[in-house]
PDB file of all heavy atoms in Angstrom:
ATOM      1  N   THR A   1       0.867  47.685 -14.246  1.00  0.00           N
ATOM      2  CA  THR A   1      -0.249  46.759 -14.721  1.00  0.00           C
ATOM      3  C   THR A   1      -1.498  47.291 -14.160  1.00  0.00           C
ATOM      4  O   THR A   1      -1.885  48.392 -14.380  1.00  0.00           O
ATOM      5  CB  THR A   1       0.098  45.332 -14.159  1.00  0.00           C
ATOM      6  OG1 THR A   1       0.133  45.366 -12.657  1.00  0.00           O
ATOM      7  CG2 THR A   1       1.375  44.819 -14.690  1.00  0.00           C
ATOM      8  N   SER A   2      -2.276  46.502 -13.413  1.00  0.00           N
ATOM      9  CA  SER A   2      -3.617  46.864 -12.916  1.00  0.00           C
ATOM     10  C   SER A   2      -3.643  46.449 -11.519  1.00  0.00           C
ATOM     11  O   SER A   2      -4.270  47.301 -10.769  1.00  0.00           O
ATOM     12  CB  SER A   2      -4.753  46.210 -13.779  1.00  0.00           C
ATOM     13  OG  SER A   2      -4.597  44.763 -13.797  1.00  0.00           O
ATOM     14  N   LYS A   3      -3.297  45.337 -11.064  1.00  0.00           N
ATOM     15  CA  LYS A   3      -3.348  44.815  -9.790  1.00  0.00           C
ATOM     16  C   LYS A   3      -2.276  43.818  -9.592  1.00  0.00           C
ATOM     17  O   LYS A   3      -2.085  42.813 -10.388  1.00  0.00           O
ATOM     18  CB  LYS A   3      -4.745  44.194  -9.547  1.00  0.00           C
ATOM     19  CG  LYS A   3      -4.925  43.567  -8.215  1.00  0.00           C
ATOM     20  CD  LYS A   3      -4.992  44.551  -7.045  1.00  0.00           C
ATOM     21  CE  LYS A   3      -5.398  43.856  -5.734  1.00  0.00           C
ATOM     22  NZ  LYS A   3      -5.412  44.784  -4.646  1.00  0.00           N
ATOM     23  N   TYR A   4      -1.619  43.841  -8.434  1.00  0.00           N
ATOM     24  CA  TYR A   4      -0.472  42.956  -8.065  1.00  0.00           C
ATOM     25  C   TYR A   4       0.823  43.218  -9.018  1.00  0.00           C
ATOM     26  O   TYR A   4       1.903  43.528  -8.550  1.00  0.00           O
ATOM     27  CB  TYR A   4      -0.769  41.540  -8.094  1.00  0.00           C
ATOM     28  CG  TYR A   4      -1.776  41.127  -6.999  1.00  0.00           C
ATOM     29  CD1 TYR A   4      -3.056  40.605  -7.495  1.00  0.00           C
ATOM     30  CD2 TYR A   4      -1.587  41.322  -5.755  1.00  0.00           C
ATOM     31  CE1 TYR A   4      -4.029  40.241  -6.417  1.00  0.00           C
ATOM     32  CE2 TYR A   4      -2.505  41.009  -4.771  1.00  0.00           C
ATOM     33  CZ  TYR A   4      -3.718  40.391  -5.150  1.00  0.00           C
ATOM     34  OH  TYR A   4      -4.595  40.087  -4.182  1.00  0.00           O
ATOM     35  N   GLY A   5       0.581  43.025 -10.371  1.00  0.00           N
ATOM     36  CA  GLY A   5       1.757  43.223 -11.203  1.00  0.00           C
ATOM     37  C   GLY A   5       2.102  41.898 -11.772  1.00  0.00           C
ATOM     38  O   GLY A   5       1.488  40.888 -11.513  1.00  0.00           O
ATOM     39  N   THR A   6       3.258  41.978 -12.517  1.00  0.00           N
ATOM     40  CA  THR A   6       3.863  40.697 -13.007  1.00  0.00           C
ATOM     41  C   THR A   6       5.113  40.329 -12.299  1.00  0.00           C
ATOM     42  O   THR A   6       5.029  39.483 -11.329  1.00  0.00           O
ATOM     43  CB  THR A   6       4.208  40.924 -14.583  1.00  0.00           C
ATOM     44  OG1 THR A   6       5.102  42.139 -14.657  1.00  0.00           O
ATOM     45  CG2 THR A   6       2.875  41.140 -15.350  1.00  0.00           C
ATOM     46  N   GLY A   7       6.204  41.058 -12.420  1.00  0.00           N
ATOM     47  CA  GLY A   7       7.434  40.746 -11.707  1.00  0.00           C
ATOM     48  C   GLY A   7       7.293  40.975 -10.136  1.00  0.00           C
ATOM     49  O   GLY A   7       7.941  40.203  -9.413  1.00  0.00           O
ATOM     50  N   LEU A   8       6.559  41.877  -9.721  1.00  0.00           N
ATOM     51  CA  LEU A   8       6.337  42.175  -8.347  1.00  0.00           C
ATOM     52  C   LEU A   8       5.165  41.440  -7.803  1.00  0.00           C
ATOM     53  O   LEU A   8       4.914  41.292  -6.587  1.00  0.00           O
ATOM     54  CB  LEU A   8       6.122  43.631  -8.059  1.00  0.00           C
ATOM     55  CG  LEU A   8       7.433  44.586  -8.319  1.00  0.00           C
ATOM     56  CD1 LEU A   8       7.115  46.020  -7.803  1.00  0.00           C
ATOM     57  CD2 LEU A   8       8.624  44.027  -7.647  1.00  0.00           C
ATOM     58  N   GLY A   9       4.269  40.914  -8.732  1.00  0.00           N
ATOM     59  CA  GLY A   9       3.022  40.282  -8.344  1.00  0.00           C
ATOM     60  C   GLY A   9       3.158  39.263  -7.139  1.00  0.00           C
ATOM     61  O   GLY A   9       2.462  39.317  -6.132  1.00  0.00           O
ATOM     62  N   PRO A  10       4.059  38.226  -7.262  1.00  0.00           N
ATOM     63  CA  PRO A  10       4.220  37.294  -6.308  1.00  0.00           C
ATOM     64  C   PRO A  10       4.592  37.908  -4.932  1.00  0.00           C
ATOM     65  O   PRO A  10       4.199  37.352  -3.880  1.00  0.00           O
ATOM     66  CB  PRO A  10       5.344  36.307  -6.783  1.00  0.00           C
ATOM     67  CG  PRO A  10       5.301  36.485  -8.292  1.00  0.00           C
ATOM     68  CD  PRO A  10       4.906  37.902  -8.439  1.00  0.00           C
ATOM     69  N   LEU A  11       5.375  39.027  -4.927  1.00  0.00           N
ATOM     70  CA  LEU A  11       5.757  39.632  -3.700  1.00  0.00           C
ATOM     71  C   LEU A  11       4.623  40.295  -2.933  1.00  0.00           C
ATOM     72  O   LEU A  11       4.525  40.312  -1.719  1.00  0.00           O
ATOM     73  CB  LEU A  11       6.957  40.533  -3.988  1.00  0.00           C
ATOM     74  CG  LEU A  11       8.025  40.088  -4.719  1.00  0.00           C
ATOM     75  CD1 LEU A  11       9.187  41.213  -5.003  1.00  0.00           C
ATOM     76  CD2 LEU A  11       8.790  38.922  -3.974  1.00  0.00           C
ATOM     77  N   LEU A  12       3.749  41.035  -3.698  1.00  0.00           N
ATOM     78  CA  LEU A  12       2.684  41.673  -3.200  1.00  0.00           C
ATOM     79  C   LEU A  12       1.561  40.674  -2.758  1.00  0.00           C
ATOM     80  O   LEU A  12       0.964  40.849  -1.728  1.00  0.00           O
ATOM     81  CB  LEU A  12       2.121  42.649  -4.225  1.00  0.00           C
ATOM     82  CG  LEU A  12       3.050  43.847  -4.635  1.00  0.00           C
ATOM     83  CD1 LEU A  12       2.563  44.629  -5.796  1.00  0.00           C
ATOM     84  CD2 LEU A  12       3.330  44.669  -3.425  1.00  0.00           C
ATOM     85  N   LEU A  13       1.392  39.657  -3.543  1.00  0.00           N
ATOM     86  CA  LEU A  13       0.397  38.664  -3.100  1.00  0.00           C
ATOM     87  C   LEU A  13       0.980  37.892  -1.926  1.00  0.00           C
ATOM     88  O   LEU A  13       0.220  37.597  -0.966  1.00  0.00           O
ATOM     89  CB  LEU A  13       0.046  37.699  -4.232  1.00  0.00           C
ATOM     90  CG  LEU A  13      -0.875  36.541  -4.018  1.00  0.00           C
ATOM     91  CD1 LEU A  13      -2.190  37.097  -3.700  1.00  0.00           C
ATOM     92  CD2 LEU A  13      -0.858  35.545  -5.184  1.00  0.00           C
ATOM     93  N   GLY A  14       2.243  37.602  -1.952  1.00  0.00           N
ATOM     94  CA  GLY A  14       2.826  37.030  -0.749  1.00  0.00           C
ATOM     95  C   GLY A  14       2.739  37.709   0.443  1.00  0.00           C
ATOM     96  O   GLY A  14       2.488  37.073   1.527  1.00  0.00           O
ATOM     97  N   LYS A  15       2.814  39.004   0.323  1.00  0.00           N
ATOM     98  CA  LYS A  15       2.644  39.856   1.587  1.00  0.00           C
ATOM     99  C   LYS A  15       1.309  39.773   2.117  1.00  0.00           C
ATOM    100  O   LYS A  15       1.051  39.614   3.348  1.00  0.00           O
ATOM    101  CB  LYS A  15       2.902  41.281   1.166  1.00  0.00           C
ATOM    102  CG  LYS A  15       2.772  42.292   2.284  1.00  0.00           C
ATOM    103  CD  LYS A  15       3.746  42.097   3.526  1.00  0.00           C
ATOM    104  CE  LYS A  15       3.486  43.036   4.550  1.00  0.00           C
ATOM    105  NZ  LYS A  15       4.531  42.911   5.705  1.00  0.00           N
ATOM    106  N   GLU A  16       0.260  39.695   1.219  1.00  0.00           N
ATOM    107  CA  GLU A  16      -1.153  39.483   1.705  1.00  0.00           C
ATOM    108  C   GLU A  16      -1.349  38.168   2.441  1.00  0.00           C
ATOM    109  O   GLU A  16      -2.134  38.068   3.309  1.00  0.00           O
ATOM    110  CB  GLU A  16      -2.035  39.546   0.533  1.00  0.00           C
ATOM    111  CG  GLU A  16      -2.182  41.074  -0.074  1.00  0.00           C
ATOM    112  CD  GLU A  16      -3.317  41.009  -1.130  1.00  0.00           C
ATOM    113  OE1 GLU A  16      -3.952  39.950  -1.393  1.00  0.00           O
ATOM    114  OE2 GLU A  16      -3.536  42.116  -1.651  1.00  0.00           O
ATOM    115  N   LYS A  17      -0.511  37.140   2.027  1.00  0.00           N
ATOM    116  CA  LYS A  17      -0.723  35.787   2.577  1.00  0.00           C
ATOM    117  C   LYS A  17       0.321  35.560   3.682  1.00  0.00           C
ATOM    118  O   LYS A  17       0.354  34.458   4.216  1.00  0.00           O
ATOM    119  CB  LYS A  17      -0.391  34.774   1.479  1.00  0.00           C
ATOM    120  CG  LYS A  17      -1.467  34.780   0.297  1.00  0.00           C
ATOM    121  CD  LYS A  17      -1.207  33.740  -0.659  1.00  0.00           C
ATOM    122  CE  LYS A  17      -2.240  33.686  -1.815  1.00  0.00           C
ATOM    123  NZ  LYS A  17      -3.470  33.112  -1.168  1.00  0.00           N
ATOM    124  N   GLY A  18       1.056  36.614   4.164  1.00  0.00           N
ATOM    125  CA  GLY A  18       1.919  36.430   5.338  1.00  0.00           C
ATOM    126  C   GLY A  18       3.333  36.058   4.969  1.00  0.00           C
ATOM    127  O   GLY A  18       4.095  35.754   5.975  1.00  0.00           O
ATOM    128  N   TYR A  19       3.739  36.006   3.749  1.00  0.00           N
ATOM    129  CA  TYR A  19       5.097  35.805   3.419  1.00  0.00           C
ATOM    130  C   TYR A  19       6.004  36.899   3.952  1.00  0.00           C
ATOM    131  O   TYR A  19       5.559  38.070   3.676  1.00  0.00           O
ATOM    132  CB  TYR A  19       5.286  35.493   1.942  1.00  0.00           C
ATOM    133  CG  TYR A  19       4.767  34.176   1.446  1.00  0.00           C
ATOM    134  CD1 TYR A  19       3.359  33.909   1.466  1.00  0.00           C
ATOM    135  CD2 TYR A  19       5.648  33.239   0.891  1.00  0.00           C
ATOM    136  CE1 TYR A  19       3.049  32.597   0.886  1.00  0.00           C
ATOM    137  CE2 TYR A  19       5.269  32.060   0.379  1.00  0.00           C
ATOM    138  CZ  TYR A  19       3.861  31.789   0.452  1.00  0.00           C
ATOM    139  OH  TYR A  19       3.399  30.514  -0.017  1.00  0.00           O
ATOM    140  N   ASP A  20       7.175  36.676   4.192  1.00  0.00           N
ATOM    141  CA  ASP A  20       8.231  37.617   4.572  1.00  0.00           C
ATOM    142  C   ASP A  20       9.330  37.564   3.664  1.00  0.00           C
ATOM    143  O   ASP A  20      10.287  36.850   3.767  1.00  0.00           O
ATOM    144  CB  ASP A  20       8.616  37.455   6.030  1.00  0.00           C
ATOM    145  CG  ASP A  20       9.626  38.530   6.498  1.00  0.00           C
ATOM    146  OD1 ASP A  20       9.533  39.643   6.004  1.00  0.00           O
ATOM    147  OD2 ASP A  20      10.357  38.326   7.439  1.00  0.00           O
ATOM    148  N   PHE A  21       9.352  38.434   2.560  1.00  0.00           N
ATOM    149  CA  PHE A  21      10.331  38.439   1.645  1.00  0.00           C
ATOM    150  C   PHE A  21      11.282  39.652   1.909  1.00  0.00           C
ATOM    151  O   PHE A  21      10.980  40.580   2.500  1.00  0.00           O
ATOM    152  CB  PHE A  21       9.842  38.657   0.088  1.00  0.00           C
ATOM    153  CG  PHE A  21       9.043  37.541  -0.313  1.00  0.00           C
ATOM    154  CD1 PHE A  21       7.621  37.730  -0.676  1.00  0.00           C
ATOM    155  CD2 PHE A  21       9.593  36.221  -0.433  1.00  0.00           C
ATOM    156  CE1 PHE A  21       6.815  36.635  -1.138  1.00  0.00           C
ATOM    157  CE2 PHE A  21       8.786  35.133  -0.882  1.00  0.00           C
ATOM    158  CZ  PHE A  21       7.373  35.349  -1.259  1.00  0.00           C
ATOM    159  N   HIS A  22      12.550  39.410   1.362  1.00  0.00           N
ATOM    160  CA  HIS A  22      13.624  40.484   1.656  1.00  0.00           C
ATOM    161  C   HIS A  22      14.039  40.880   0.188  1.00  0.00           C
ATOM    162  O   HIS A  22      14.736  40.110  -0.534  1.00  0.00           O
ATOM    163  CB  HIS A  22      14.759  39.906   2.451  1.00  0.00           C
ATOM    164  CG  HIS A  22      14.394  39.426   3.819  1.00  0.00           C
ATOM    165  ND1 HIS A  22      13.849  40.155   4.763  1.00  0.00           N
ATOM    166  CD2 HIS A  22      14.300  38.121   4.177  1.00  0.00           C
ATOM    167  CE1 HIS A  22      13.620  39.348   5.792  1.00  0.00           C
ATOM    168  NE2 HIS A  22      13.784  38.190   5.485  1.00  0.00           N
ATOM    169  N   VAL A  23      13.569  42.008  -0.329  1.00  0.00           N
ATOM    170  CA  VAL A  23      13.789  42.397  -1.660  1.00  0.00           C
ATOM    171  C   VAL A  23      14.913  43.391  -1.846  1.00  0.00           C
ATOM    172  O   VAL A  23      15.001  44.358  -1.041  1.00  0.00           O
ATOM    173  CB  VAL A  23      12.405  43.049  -2.161  1.00  0.00           C
ATOM    174  CG1 VAL A  23      12.668  43.451  -3.664  1.00  0.00           C
ATOM    175  CG2 VAL A  23      11.265  42.071  -2.037  1.00  0.00           C
ATOM    176  N   PHE A  24      15.675  43.096  -2.869  1.00  0.00           N
ATOM    177  CA  PHE A  24      16.764  44.100  -3.201  1.00  0.00           C
ATOM    178  C   PHE A  24      16.359  44.596  -4.650  1.00  0.00           C
ATOM    179  O   PHE A  24      16.309  43.879  -5.567  1.00  0.00           O
ATOM    180  CB  PHE A  24      18.166  43.369  -3.275  1.00  0.00           C
ATOM    181  CG  PHE A  24      18.641  42.997  -1.892  1.00  0.00           C
ATOM    182  CD1 PHE A  24      18.325  41.759  -1.362  1.00  0.00           C
ATOM    183  CD2 PHE A  24      19.502  43.872  -1.270  1.00  0.00           C
ATOM    184  CE1 PHE A  24      18.750  41.396  -0.049  1.00  0.00           C
ATOM    185  CE2 PHE A  24      19.951  43.436   0.025  1.00  0.00           C
ATOM    186  CZ  PHE A  24      19.615  42.252   0.575  1.00  0.00           C
ATOM    187  N   SER A  25      16.174  45.980  -4.634  1.00  0.00           N
ATOM    188  CA  SER A  25      15.667  46.631  -5.879  1.00  0.00           C
ATOM    189  C   SER A  25      16.776  47.314  -6.595  1.00  0.00           C
ATOM    190  O   SER A  25      17.317  48.244  -5.985  1.00  0.00           O
ATOM    191  CB  SER A  25      14.560  47.561  -5.556  1.00  0.00           C
ATOM    192  OG  SER A  25      14.137  48.234  -6.704  1.00  0.00           O
ATOM    193  N   ASP A  26      17.091  46.817  -7.836  1.00  0.00           N
ATOM    194  CA  ASP A  26      18.117  47.605  -8.650  1.00  0.00           C
ATOM    195  C   ASP A  26      17.548  48.987  -8.967  1.00  0.00           C
ATOM    196  O   ASP A  26      16.303  49.029  -9.329  1.00  0.00           O
ATOM    197  CB  ASP A  26      18.332  46.843  -9.925  1.00  0.00           C
ATOM    198  CG  ASP A  26      19.332  45.707  -9.860  1.00  0.00           C
ATOM    199  OD1 ASP A  26      19.967  45.643  -8.785  1.00  0.00           O
ATOM    200  OD2 ASP A  26      19.458  44.827 -10.719  1.00  0.00           O
ATOM    201  N   GLU A  27      18.349  50.012  -8.931  1.00  0.00           N
ATOM    202  CA  GLU A  27      17.790  51.385  -9.200  1.00  0.00           C
ATOM    203  C   GLU A  27      17.271  51.553 -10.625  1.00  0.00           C
ATOM    204  O   GLU A  27      16.357  52.206 -10.918  1.00  0.00           O
ATOM    205  CB  GLU A  27      18.796  52.378  -8.965  1.00  0.00           C
ATOM    206  CG  GLU A  27      20.049  52.207  -9.844  1.00  0.00           C
ATOM    207  CD  GLU A  27      21.164  53.241  -9.497  1.00  0.00           C
ATOM    208  OE1 GLU A  27      20.950  54.221  -8.863  1.00  0.00           O
ATOM    209  OE2 GLU A  27      22.304  53.046 -10.052  1.00  0.00           O
ATOM    210  N   THR A  28      17.891  50.837 -11.619  1.00  0.00           N
ATOM    211  CA  THR A  28      17.527  50.653 -13.002  1.00  0.00           C
ATOM    212  C   THR A  28      17.750  52.103 -13.681  1.00  0.00           C
ATOM    213  O   THR A  28      16.725  52.819 -13.931  1.00  0.00           O
ATOM    214  CB  THR A  28      16.033  50.318 -13.197  1.00  0.00           C
ATOM    215  OG1 THR A  28      15.605  49.314 -12.130  1.00  0.00           O
ATOM    216  CG2 THR A  28      15.817  49.739 -14.561  1.00  0.00           C
ATOM    217  N   ARG A  29      19.012  52.362 -13.921  1.00  0.00           N
ATOM    218  CA  ARG A  29      19.392  53.495 -14.730  1.00  0.00           C
ATOM    219  C   ARG A  29      18.922  53.398 -16.242  1.00  0.00           C
ATOM    220  O   ARG A  29      18.807  52.248 -16.639  1.00  0.00           O
ATOM    221  CB  ARG A  29      20.873  53.661 -14.676  1.00  0.00           C
ATOM    222  CG  ARG A  29      21.435  54.064 -13.284  1.00  0.00           C
ATOM    223  CD  ARG A  29      21.557  55.575 -13.256  1.00  0.00           C
ATOM    224  NE  ARG A  29      22.509  56.132 -14.162  1.00  0.00           N
ATOM    225  CZ  ARG A  29      22.446  57.210 -14.843  1.00  0.00           C
ATOM    226  NH1 ARG A  29      21.298  57.922 -14.710  1.00  0.00           N
ATOM    227  NH2 ARG A  29      23.270  57.531 -15.743  1.00  0.00           N
ATOM    228  N   PRO A  30      18.772  54.524 -16.895  1.00  0.00           N
ATOM    229  CA  PRO A  30      18.834  55.907 -16.402  1.00  0.00           C
ATOM    230  C   PRO A  30      17.516  56.547 -15.906  1.00  0.00           C
ATOM    231  O   PRO A  30      17.562  57.548 -15.380  1.00  0.00           O
ATOM    232  CB  PRO A  30      19.313  56.594 -17.680  1.00  0.00           C
ATOM    233  CG  PRO A  30      18.638  55.957 -18.719  1.00  0.00           C
ATOM    234  CD  PRO A  30      18.536  54.417 -18.444  1.00  0.00           C
ATOM    235  N   LEU A  31      16.471  55.791 -16.040  1.00  0.00           N
ATOM    236  CA  LEU A  31      15.133  56.331 -15.738  1.00  0.00           C
ATOM    237  C   LEU A  31      14.769  55.977 -14.212  1.00  0.00           C
ATOM    238  O   LEU A  31      13.764  56.480 -13.725  1.00  0.00           O
ATOM    239  CB  LEU A  31      14.014  55.864 -16.691  1.00  0.00           C
ATOM    240  CG  LEU A  31      14.208  56.445 -18.079  1.00  0.00           C
ATOM    241  CD1 LEU A  31      13.198  55.831 -18.956  1.00  0.00           C
ATOM    242  CD2 LEU A  31      14.200  57.905 -18.088  1.00  0.00           C
ATOM    243  N   LEU A  32      15.603  55.123 -13.588  1.00  0.00           N
ATOM    244  CA  LEU A  32      15.464  54.940 -12.184  1.00  0.00           C
ATOM    245  C   LEU A  32      14.004  54.383 -11.728  1.00  0.00           C
ATOM    246  O   LEU A  32      13.526  54.666 -10.647  1.00  0.00           O
ATOM    247  CB  LEU A  32      15.724  56.172 -11.388  1.00  0.00           C
ATOM    248  CG  LEU A  32      17.152  56.812 -11.681  1.00  0.00           C
ATOM    249  CD1 LEU A  32      17.317  58.096 -10.798  1.00  0.00           C
ATOM    250  CD2 LEU A  32      18.250  55.864 -11.251  1.00  0.00           C
ATOM    251  N   GLN A  33      13.519  53.497 -12.613  1.00  0.00           N
ATOM    252  CA  GLN A  33      12.232  52.923 -12.219  1.00  0.00           C
ATOM    253  C   GLN A  33      12.271  52.093 -10.884  1.00  0.00           C
ATOM    254  O   GLN A  33      11.329  52.001 -10.147  1.00  0.00           O
ATOM    255  CB  GLN A  33      11.622  52.052 -13.429  1.00  0.00           C
ATOM    256  CG  GLN A  33      11.286  52.780 -14.638  1.00  0.00           C
ATOM    257  CD  GLN A  33      12.381  52.716 -15.708  1.00  0.00           C
ATOM    258  OE1 GLN A  33      13.514  52.685 -15.359  1.00  0.00           O
ATOM    259  NE2 GLN A  33      11.965  52.686 -16.979  1.00  0.00           N
ATOM    260  N   GLY A  34      13.407  51.379 -10.729  1.00  0.00           N
ATOM    261  CA  GLY A  34      13.647  50.611  -9.507  1.00  0.00           C
ATOM    262  C   GLY A  34      13.549  51.428  -8.291  1.00  0.00           C
ATOM    263  O   GLY A  34      13.038  51.048  -7.325  1.00  0.00           O
ATOM    264  N   ALA A  35      14.237  52.634  -8.353  1.00  0.00           N
ATOM    265  CA  ALA A  35      14.334  53.514  -7.314  1.00  0.00           C
ATOM    266  C   ALA A  35      13.137  54.296  -7.070  1.00  0.00           C
ATOM    267  O   ALA A  35      12.599  54.280  -5.933  1.00  0.00           O
ATOM    268  CB  ALA A  35      15.614  54.572  -7.531  1.00  0.00           C
ATOM    269  N   ARG A  36      12.594  54.861  -8.102  1.00  0.00           N
ATOM    270  CA  ARG A  36      11.485  55.722  -7.933  1.00  0.00           C
ATOM    271  C   ARG A  36      10.151  55.010  -7.747  1.00  0.00           C
ATOM    272  O   ARG A  36       9.222  55.458  -7.159  1.00  0.00           O
ATOM    273  CB  ARG A  36      11.295  56.625  -9.180  1.00  0.00           C
ATOM    274  CG  ARG A  36      12.544  57.663  -9.422  1.00  0.00           C
ATOM    275  CD  ARG A  36      12.211  58.527 -10.537  1.00  0.00           C
ATOM    276  NE  ARG A  36      11.920  57.936 -11.758  1.00  0.00           N
ATOM    277  CZ  ARG A  36      10.597  57.749 -12.234  1.00  0.00           C
ATOM    278  NH1 ARG A  36       9.657  58.377 -11.581  1.00  0.00           N
ATOM    279  NH2 ARG A  36      10.434  57.140 -13.390  1.00  0.00           N
ATOM    280  N   LEU A  37      10.017  53.820  -8.398  1.00  0.00           N
ATOM    281  CA  LEU A  37       8.762  53.221  -8.420  1.00  0.00           C
ATOM    282  C   LEU A  37       8.617  51.935  -7.659  1.00  0.00           C
ATOM    283  O   LEU A  37       7.787  51.611  -6.815  1.00  0.00           O
ATOM    284  CB  LEU A  37       8.390  52.852  -9.955  1.00  0.00           C
ATOM    285  CG  LEU A  37       8.344  54.089 -10.882  1.00  0.00           C
ATOM    286  CD1 LEU A  37       8.096  53.778 -12.246  1.00  0.00           C
ATOM    287  CD2 LEU A  37       7.411  55.170 -10.319  1.00  0.00           C
ATOM    288  N   THR A  38       9.632  51.034  -8.012  1.00  0.00           N
ATOM    289  CA  THR A  38       9.559  49.641  -7.246  1.00  0.00           C
ATOM    290  C   THR A  38       9.785  49.817  -5.754  1.00  0.00           C
ATOM    291  O   THR A  38       8.995  49.260  -4.932  1.00  0.00           O
ATOM    292  CB  THR A  38      10.632  48.705  -7.755  1.00  0.00           C
ATOM    293  OG1 THR A  38      10.311  48.425  -9.076  1.00  0.00           O
ATOM    294  CG2 THR A  38      10.704  47.452  -6.866  1.00  0.00           C
ATOM    295  N   SER A  39      10.768  50.512  -5.311  1.00  0.00           N
ATOM    296  CA  SER A  39      10.979  50.731  -3.863  1.00  0.00           C
ATOM    297  C   SER A  39       9.789  51.507  -3.253  1.00  0.00           C
ATOM    298  O   SER A  39       9.392  51.184  -2.175  1.00  0.00           O
ATOM    299  CB  SER A  39      12.336  51.429  -3.501  1.00  0.00           C
ATOM    300  OG  SER A  39      12.262  52.698  -4.234  1.00  0.00           O
ATOM    301  N   TYR A  40       9.171  52.416  -4.090  1.00  0.00           N
ATOM    302  CA  TYR A  40       8.014  53.168  -3.591  1.00  0.00           C
ATOM    303  C   TYR A  40       6.840  52.232  -3.335  1.00  0.00           C
ATOM    304  O   TYR A  40       6.193  52.321  -2.317  1.00  0.00           O
ATOM    305  CB  TYR A  40       7.757  54.193  -4.614  1.00  0.00           C
ATOM    306  CG  TYR A  40       6.397  54.942  -4.507  1.00  0.00           C
ATOM    307  CD1 TYR A  40       6.306  56.041  -3.670  1.00  0.00           C
ATOM    308  CD2 TYR A  40       5.350  54.605  -5.263  1.00  0.00           C
ATOM    309  CE1 TYR A  40       5.077  56.774  -3.584  1.00  0.00           C
ATOM    310  CE2 TYR A  40       4.140  55.234  -5.221  1.00  0.00           C
ATOM    311  CZ  TYR A  40       3.936  56.381  -4.327  1.00  0.00           C
ATOM    312  OH  TYR A  40       2.824  56.956  -4.307  1.00  0.00           O
ATOM    313  N   GLU A  41       6.638  51.422  -4.374  1.00  0.00           N
ATOM    314  CA  GLU A  41       5.416  50.432  -4.231  1.00  0.00           C
ATOM    315  C   GLU A  41       5.626  49.515  -3.096  1.00  0.00           C
ATOM    316  O   GLU A  41       4.744  49.244  -2.309  1.00  0.00           O
ATOM    317  CB  GLU A  41       5.331  49.674  -5.615  1.00  0.00           C
ATOM    318  CG  GLU A  41       4.481  50.289  -6.654  1.00  0.00           C
ATOM    319  CD  GLU A  41       4.130  49.323  -7.692  1.00  0.00           C
ATOM    320  OE1 GLU A  41       3.167  48.534  -7.497  1.00  0.00           O
ATOM    321  OE2 GLU A  41       4.776  49.305  -8.819  1.00  0.00           O
ATOM    322  N   LEU A  42       6.745  49.039  -3.052  1.00  0.00           N
ATOM    323  CA  LEU A  42       7.027  47.948  -1.939  1.00  0.00           C
ATOM    324  C   LEU A  42       6.978  48.562  -0.569  1.00  0.00           C
ATOM    325  O   LEU A  42       6.421  47.925   0.429  1.00  0.00           O
ATOM    326  CB  LEU A  42       8.364  47.168  -2.117  1.00  0.00           C
ATOM    327  CG  LEU A  42       8.477  46.328  -3.478  1.00  0.00           C
ATOM    328  CD1 LEU A  42       9.885  45.681  -3.614  1.00  0.00           C
ATOM    329  CD2 LEU A  42       7.312  45.327  -3.442  1.00  0.00           C
TER     330      LEU A  42
END
């Protein structure tokens, strides 16, 4: 997206506000966006 995101947006905004989430990221085959990108961002 541009900032925060959509599906991850509440998690990134929550981090700024002091929330402590425990995220499990599916790897998302076959292009592995969850592994390469989501886990990277978080």
